[in-house]
Amino acid sequence: MKQRTFAKHLRRNMTQAENHLWYHLRAYRLNGIRFRRQQPLGPYIVDFVHFGSRVVVEADGGQHNDSESDRKRDDWMQSQGYKVLRFWNHEILQQIEVVLSVIYDTVTERDGSVCPEEVLEAAESALAEDWLKEEEDEAWGR
């Protein structure tokens, strides 16, 4: 089976933990950050990736306990400039806020184009104020 076909298969058959994490990452739900799921990356398919910061997120079950193949995979990704975050399935299912916090902190630390939410809100507020001032000036003929 080709890698892209297998990635589609994995997207349709995600684990409970992967589905739970995807619910929180999809559609820019993590403060506007875009993730891809079950994404081919070199010779591998990663669970989730943010390309801008080169952060890979893996949801691990019991089959990953001290896995040599996971170490080789992580080494390859690190050699390509990716930071790999691994979370056990039970961590994702029971402590999702902690998991999301670690992911967000890692992405924003590695990608200067991702702004903390407060910075985005301040920028939006400033733009809105400028727009209102321009509208007011036009209305008064200034």
C-alpha atoms as a PDB file:
ATOM      1  CA  MET A   1       0.000   0.000   0.000  1.00  0.00           C
ATOM      2  CA  LYS A   2       1.356   3.428  -0.942  1.00  0.00           C
ATOM      3  CA  GLN A   3       2.219   5.818   1.879  1.00  0.00           C
ATOM      4  CA  ARG A   4      -0.497   8.359   0.969  1.00  0.00           C
ATOM      5  CA  THR A   5      -3.136   5.634   0.745  1.00  0.00           C
ATOM      6  CA  PHE A   6      -2.027   4.248   4.092  1.00  0.00           C
ATOM      7  CA  ALA A   7      -2.162   7.752   5.626  1.00  0.00           C
ATOM      8  CA  LYS A   8      -5.789   8.069   4.452  1.00  0.00           C
ATOM      9  CA  HIS A   9      -6.526   4.686   6.007  1.00  0.00           C
ATOM     10  CA  LEU A  10      -4.982   5.851   9.296  1.00  0.00           C
ATOM     11  CA  ARG A  11      -7.051   9.062   9.231  1.00  0.00           C
ATOM     12  CA  ARG A  12     -10.219   6.994   8.929  1.00  0.00           C
ATOM     13  CA  ASN A  13      -9.147   4.597  11.692  1.00  0.00           C
ATOM     14  CA  MET A  14      -7.646   6.762  14.428  1.00  0.00           C
ATOM     15  CA  THR A  15      -7.475   5.527  18.003  1.00  0.00           C
ATOM     16  CA  GLN A  16      -9.686   6.978  20.729  1.00  0.00           C
ATOM     17  CA  ALA A  17      -6.773   9.079  22.012  1.00  0.00           C
ATOM     18  CA  GLU A  18      -5.903  10.338  18.510  1.00  0.00           C
ATOM     19  CA  ASN A  19      -9.541  11.288  17.896  1.00  0.00           C
ATOM     20  CA  HIS A  20      -9.704  13.093  21.244  1.00  0.00           C
ATOM     21  CA  LEU A  21      -6.527  15.055  20.535  1.00  0.00           C
ATOM     22  CA  TRP A  22      -7.605  15.796  16.953  1.00  0.00           C
ATOM     23  CA  TYR A  23     -10.879  17.245  18.244  1.00  0.00           C
ATOM     24  CA  HIS A  24      -8.814  19.864  20.121  1.00  0.00           C
ATOM     25  CA  LEU A  25      -6.262  20.491  17.345  1.00  0.00           C
ATOM     26  CA  ARG A  26      -8.452  20.530  14.224  1.00  0.00           C
ATOM     27  CA  ALA A  27      -9.828  23.639  12.576  1.00  0.00           C
ATOM     28  CA  TYR A  28      -7.285  25.934  14.263  1.00  0.00           C
ATOM     29  CA  ARG A  29      -8.830  25.255  17.705  1.00  0.00           C
ATOM     30  CA  LEU A  30      -5.513  25.541  19.533  1.00  0.00           C
ATOM     31  CA  ASN A  31      -5.299  29.351  19.421  1.00  0.00           C
ATOM     32  CA  GLY A  32      -5.337  29.497  15.641  1.00  0.00           C
ATOM     33  CA  ILE A  33      -2.542  26.989  15.056  1.00  0.00           C
ATOM     34  CA  ARG A  34      -2.990  24.644  12.077  1.00  0.00           C
ATOM     35  CA  PHE A  35      -2.117  20.985  12.496  1.00  0.00           C
ATOM     36  CA  ARG A  36      -2.209  18.165   9.959  1.00  0.00           C
ATOM     37  CA  ARG A  37      -3.103  14.617  11.000  1.00  0.00           C
ATOM     38  CA  GLN A  38      -1.712  11.278   9.845  1.00  0.00           C
ATOM     39  CA  GLN A  39       0.712  13.121   7.617  1.00  0.00           C
ATOM     40  CA  PRO A  40       3.441  11.450   5.524  1.00  0.00           C
ATOM     41  CA  LEU A  41       6.813  12.853   6.564  1.00  0.00           C
ATOM     42  CA  GLY A  42       9.816  11.342   4.830  1.00  0.00           C
ATOM     43  CA  PRO A  43       9.633   7.565   5.221  1.00  0.00           C
ATOM     44  CA  TYR A  44       7.127   7.846   8.101  1.00  0.00           C
ATOM     45  CA  ILE A  45       3.536   8.840   8.799  1.00  0.00           C
ATOM     46  CA  VAL A  46       3.218  11.051  11.867  1.00  0.00           C
ATOM     47  CA  ASP A  47       0.081  11.381  13.988  1.00  0.00           C
ATOM     48  CA  PHE A  48       0.051  15.209  13.968  1.00  0.00           C
ATOM     49  CA  VAL A  49       2.394  17.890  12.658  1.00  0.00           C
ATOM     50  CA  HIS A  50       2.658  21.671  12.662  1.00  0.00           C
ATOM     51  CA  PHE A  51       4.925  22.473   9.737  1.00  0.00           C
ATOM     52  CA  GLY A  52       5.673  26.099  10.651  1.00  0.00           C
ATOM     53  CA  SER A  53       7.366  25.171  13.912  1.00  0.00           C
ATOM     54  CA  ARG A  54       8.401  21.676  12.774  1.00  0.00           C
ATOM     55  CA  VAL A  55       6.660  20.057  15.753  1.00  0.00           C
ATOM     56  CA  VAL A  56       5.445  16.456  15.526  1.00  0.00           C
ATOM     57  CA  VAL A  57       2.958  15.120  18.081  1.00  0.00           C
ATOM     58  CA  GLU A  58       2.622  11.368  18.591  1.00  0.00           C
ATOM     59  CA  ALA A  59      -0.062   9.552  20.587  1.00  0.00           C
ATOM     60  CA  ASP A  60       1.450   6.373  21.986  1.00  0.00           C
ATOM     61  CA  GLY A  61      -0.262   3.262  23.270  1.00  0.00           C
ATOM     62  CA  GLY A  62       1.283   0.224  24.949  1.00  0.00           C
ATOM     63  CA  GLN A  63       2.854  -0.960  21.673  1.00  0.00           C
ATOM     64  CA  HIS A  64       5.326   1.940  21.909  1.00  0.00           C
ATOM     65  CA  ASN A  65       6.753   0.905  25.272  1.00  0.00           C
ATOM     66  CA  ASP A  66      10.537   1.240  24.834  1.00  0.00           C
ATOM     67  CA  SER A  67      10.378   0.777  21.079  1.00  0.00           C
ATOM     68  CA  GLU A  68      13.633   0.796  19.117  1.00  0.00           C
ATOM     69  CA  SER A  69      11.731   1.725  15.950  1.00  0.00           C
ATOM     70  CA  ASP A  70      10.319   4.810  17.719  1.00  0.00           C
ATOM     71  CA  ARG A  71      13.852   5.866  18.675  1.00  0.00           C
ATOM     72  CA  LYS A  72      15.034   5.509  15.066  1.00  0.00           C
ATOM     73  CA  ARG A  73      11.987   7.411  13.858  1.00  0.00           C
ATOM     74  CA  ASP A  74      12.545  10.217  16.394  1.00  0.00           C
ATOM     75  CA  ASP A  75      16.238  10.393  15.469  1.00  0.00           C
ATOM     76  CA  TRP A  76      15.358  10.769  11.777  1.00  0.00           C
ATOM     77  CA  MET A  77      12.813  13.514  12.508  1.00  0.00           C
ATOM     78  CA  GLN A  78      15.253  15.381  14.732  1.00  0.00           C
ATOM     79  CA  SER A  79      17.874  15.157  11.972  1.00  0.00           C
ATOM     80  CA  GLN A  80      15.328  16.904   9.714  1.00  0.00           C
ATOM     81  CA  GLY A  81      14.795  19.677  12.284  1.00  0.00           C
ATOM     82  CA  TYR A  82      11.567  18.387  13.845  1.00  0.00           C
ATOM     83  CA  LYS A  83      10.833  18.365  17.572  1.00  0.00           C
ATOM     84  CA  VAL A  84       8.911  15.220  18.541  1.00  0.00           C
ATOM     85  CA  LEU A  85       6.426  15.300  21.415  1.00  0.00           C
ATOM     86  CA  ARG A  86       5.174  11.906  22.579  1.00  0.00           C
ATOM     87  CA  PHE A  87       2.179  11.486  24.868  1.00  0.00           C
ATOM     88  CA  TRP A  88       0.748   8.280  26.246  1.00  0.00           C
ATOM     89  CA  ASN A  89      -2.864   7.632  25.290  1.00  0.00           C
ATOM     90  CA  HIS A  90      -3.970   7.822  28.927  1.00  0.00           C
ATOM     91  CA  GLU A  91      -2.355  11.280  29.243  1.00  0.00           C
ATOM     92  CA  ILE A  92      -4.339  12.509  26.236  1.00  0.00           C
ATOM     93  CA  LEU A  93      -7.582  11.015  27.509  1.00  0.00           C
ATOM     94  CA  GLN A  94      -7.219  12.055  31.155  1.00  0.00           C
ATOM     95  CA  GLN A  95      -5.099  15.236  31.090  1.00  0.00           C
ATOM     96  CA  ILE A  96      -5.889  16.914  27.759  1.00  0.00           C
ATOM     97  CA  GLU A  97      -5.365  20.461  29.092  1.00  0.00           C
ATOM     98  CA  VAL A  98      -1.803  19.615  30.169  1.00  0.00           C
ATOM     99  CA  VAL A  99      -1.097  17.961  26.811  1.00  0.00           C
ATOM    100  CA  LEU A 100      -2.460  20.951  24.883  1.00  0.00           C
ATOM    101  CA  SER A 101      -0.447  23.349  27.025  1.00  0.00           C
ATOM    102  CA  VAL A 102       2.799  21.485  26.281  1.00  0.00           C
ATOM    103  CA  ILE A 103       1.989  21.403  22.562  1.00  0.00           C
ATOM    104  CA  TYR A 104       1.091  25.112  22.463  1.00  0.00           C
ATOM    105  CA  ASP A 105       4.188  26.150  24.417  1.00  0.00           C
ATOM    106  CA  THR A 106       6.456  24.083  22.157  1.00  0.00           C
ATOM    107  CA  VAL A 107       4.927  25.387  18.927  1.00  0.00           C
ATOM    108  CA  THR A 108       5.031  29.044  20.009  1.00  0.00           C
ATOM    109  CA  GLU A 109       8.594  28.680  21.300  1.00  0.00           C
ATOM    110  CA  ARG A 110       9.775  27.265  17.952  1.00  0.00           C
ATOM    111  CA  ASP A 111       7.698  29.420  15.585  1.00  0.00           C
ATOM    112  CA  GLY A 112       7.917  33.181  15.873  1.00  0.00           C
ATOM    113  CA  SER A 113       4.922  33.633  13.569  1.00  0.00           C
ATOM    114  CA  VAL A 114       2.576  32.109  16.148  1.00  0.00           C
ATOM    115  CA  CYS A 115       1.478  34.775  18.620  1.00  0.00           C
ATOM    116  CA  PRO A 116       0.156  34.174  22.097  1.00  0.00           C
ATOM    117  CA  GLU A 117      -3.596  34.773  22.302  1.00  0.00           C
ATOM    118  CA  GLU A 118      -3.220  38.010  24.293  1.00  0.00           C
ATOM    119  CA  VAL A 119      -0.991  39.512  21.586  1.00  0.00           C
ATOM    120  CA  LEU A 120      -3.514  38.583  18.896  1.00  0.00           C
ATOM    121  CA  GLU A 121      -6.371  40.097  20.907  1.00  0.00           C
ATOM    122  CA  ALA A 122      -4.414  43.325  21.447  1.00  0.00           C
ATOM    123  CA  ALA A 123      -3.607  43.548  17.727  1.00  0.00           C
ATOM    124  CA  GLU A 124      -7.237  42.945  16.765  1.00  0.00           C
ATOM    125  CA  SER A 125      -8.363  45.592  19.262  1.00  0.00           C
ATOM    126  CA  ALA A 126      -5.873  48.134  17.896  1.00  0.00           C
ATOM    127  CA  LEU A 127      -6.997  47.433  14.316  1.00  0.00           C
ATOM    128  CA  ALA A 128     -10.639  47.837  15.334  1.00  0.00           C
ATOM    129  CA  GLU A 129      -9.867  51.168  17.047  1.00  0.00           C
ATOM    130  CA  ASP A 130      -8.023  52.420  13.944  1.00  0.00           C
ATOM    131  CA  TRP A 131     -10.916  51.391  11.725  1.00  0.00           C
ATOM    132  CA  LEU A 132     -13.455  53.136  13.992  1.00  0.00           C
ATOM    133  CA  LYS A 133     -11.333  56.303  14.035  1.00  0.00           C
ATOM    134  CA  GLU A 134     -11.125  56.289  10.219  1.00  0.00           C
ATOM    135  CA  GLU A 135     -14.894  55.807   9.967  1.00  0.00           C
ATOM    136  CA  GLU A 136     -15.480  58.650  12.431  1.00  0.00           C
ATOM    137  CA  ASP A 137     -13.077  60.936  10.542  1.00  0.00           C
ATOM    138  CA  GLU A 138     -14.867  60.213   7.269  1.00  0.00           C
ATOM    139  CA  ALA A 139     -18.264  60.847   8.856  1.00  0.00           C
ATOM    140  CA  TRP A 140     -17.104  64.249  10.173  1.00  0.00           C
ATOM    141  CA  GLY A 141     -15.281  65.116   6.948  1.00  0.00           C
ATOM    142  CA  ARG A 142     -11.820  65.155   8.521  1.00  0.00           C
END
